[in-house]
């Protein structure tokens, strides 16, 4: 399914790139932080969904949405927002769908971010 939200916002990535390049650059720091913190957050989201812990699902998806936004992962940020709505409604089926989309989005974004660092 096509999405109006890009996987990555190229303008935001370029802004980060313009702040410096090479080891320790803002882009590299943000990408590395995102890559290392997102898998545990996704696992926490999955655990919250299994436990029907709607507050935790809302909190963690809100936190991840901010991380996605700082990096320009707009589609993932949208999935986080939809996951929050599902948590507010305590809709397990919708939450499961949005979480699956979020996990797939992360897998799609990882190689793109790696490519950005090699540019």
Foldseek 3Di string as FASTA:
>chain_A
DDDPADQFDVVLLVVQPVQDADPPGSLVVLLVVLVVPVVVLLVQLVVCLVVLVLVSNLVSLVVNLVSCVNGRRGVLNVLSVQLNVCSVVSPSVSNVVSSVVNVVSVVVVSVVSVVSNVD
